[in-house]
Amino acid sequence: MDVNGVGWIAAIIIGGLAGWLAEMVMKSNMGIFMNIILGIAGAVVLNAILRALNIEAFGVGWLAYLITGFIGACLLIFAGRLVRR
């Protein structure tokens, strides 16, 4: 089964990379497990938002998954900071 054109193991690896990049940009300190979760969840959340707005996603494949996961993870980190305040 594929997730946005990549397999499950690739989704975990790419999600971890996307989460790690988001962690560096947003200057948060979470850890590898949360990076993976944020990267994968971020890609899912951003894809849902884009579909709801009738906007075409970034495409299919590992690079599109990385970009989507990165932006989505940044959004999740931002939302988490808003909630904690």
Protein backbone atom coordinates (compact mmCIF):
# COMPACT_ATOMS: atom_id res chain seq x y z
CA MET A 1 0.00 0.00 0.00
CA ASP A 2 1.27 3.46 -0.91
CA VAL A 3 1.12 6.72 0.97
CA ASN A 4 1.16 9.61 -1.52
CA GLY A 5 3.12 7.54 -4.01
CA VAL A 6 5.69 6.19 -1.55
CA GLY A 7 5.69 2.96 0.44
CA TRP A 8 5.13 2.75 4.18
CA ILE A 9 8.78 2.38 5.09
CA ALA A 10 9.72 5.28 2.82
CA ALA A 11 6.88 7.32 4.38
CA ILE A 12 8.37 6.74 7.83
CA ILE A 13 11.87 7.72 6.69
CA ILE A 14 10.73 10.75 4.68
CA GLY A 15 8.31 11.74 7.44
CA GLY A 16 11.17 11.65 9.93
CA LEU A 17 13.28 13.82 7.66
CA ALA A 18 10.41 16.28 7.13
CA GLY A 19 9.77 16.43 10.87
CA TRP A 20 13.46 16.95 11.59
CA LEU A 21 13.65 19.79 9.05
CA ALA A 22 10.56 21.38 10.58
CA GLU A 23 12.11 21.01 14.03
CA MET A 24 15.24 22.84 12.86
CA VAL A 25 13.32 25.65 11.13
CA MET A 26 10.78 26.12 13.92
CA LYS A 27 13.51 25.78 16.60
CA SER A 28 11.68 23.18 18.63
CA ASN A 29 13.26 20.28 20.48
CA MET A 30 11.29 17.05 20.25
CA GLY A 31 13.16 13.93 19.30
CA ILE A 32 13.16 11.41 16.49
CA PHE A 33 9.88 9.68 17.33
CA MET A 34 7.96 12.97 17.40
CA ASN A 35 9.74 14.08 14.22
CA ILE A 36 8.46 11.00 12.41
CA ILE A 37 4.94 11.50 13.74
CA LEU A 38 4.97 15.23 12.88
CA GLY A 39 6.27 14.60 9.38
CA ILE A 40 3.67 11.95 8.56
CA ALA A 41 0.81 13.72 10.33
CA GLY A 42 1.85 17.01 8.75
CA ALA A 43 1.66 15.51 5.27
CA VAL A 44 -1.79 14.06 6.00
CA VAL A 45 -3.08 17.32 7.52
CA LEU A 46 -1.76 19.54 4.74
CA ASN A 47 -3.11 17.21 2.04
CA ALA A 48 -6.55 17.36 3.72
CA ILE A 49 -6.40 21.16 3.92
CA LEU A 50 -5.39 21.44 0.27
CA ARG A 51 -8.16 19.07 -0.83
CA ALA A 52 -10.73 21.04 1.19
CA LEU A 53 -9.62 24.23 -0.57
CA ASN A 54 -9.62 22.51 -3.99
CA ILE A 55 -5.91 23.18 -4.41
CA GLU A 56 -3.75 20.67 -6.24
CA ALA A 57 -1.14 19.11 -3.97
CA PHE A 58 2.56 19.12 -4.81
CA GLY A 59 2.31 15.88 -6.78
CA VAL A 60 3.20 12.28 -6.08
CA GLY A 61 6.51 10.83 -4.96
CA TRP A 62 9.09 11.22 -2.25
CA LEU A 63 9.93 14.88 -2.95
CA ALA A 64 6.25 15.90 -2.87
CA TYR A 65 5.81 13.91 0.35
CA LEU A 66 8.86 15.61 1.88
CA ILE A 67 7.62 19.11 0.97
CA THR A 68 4.08 18.39 2.13
CA GLY A 69 5.32 16.77 5.35
CA PHE A 70 7.68 19.66 6.09
CA ILE A 71 5.07 22.38 5.60
CA GLY A 72 2.42 20.38 7.47
CA ALA A 73 4.79 19.68 10.37
CA CYS A 74 5.62 23.39 10.61
CA LEU A 75 1.89 24.13 10.74
CA LEU A 76 1.40 21.54 13.48
CA ILE A 77 4.27 22.93 15.55
CA PHE A 78 2.83 26.42 15.14
CA ALA A 79 -0.65 25.24 16.15
CA GLY A 80 0.81 23.40 19.15
CA ARG A 81 2.53 26.56 20.31
CA LEU A 82 -0.71 28.53 20.02
CA VAL A 83 -2.55 25.95 22.12
CA ARG A 84 0.11 25.85 24.85
CA ARG A 85 0.01 29.63 25.33
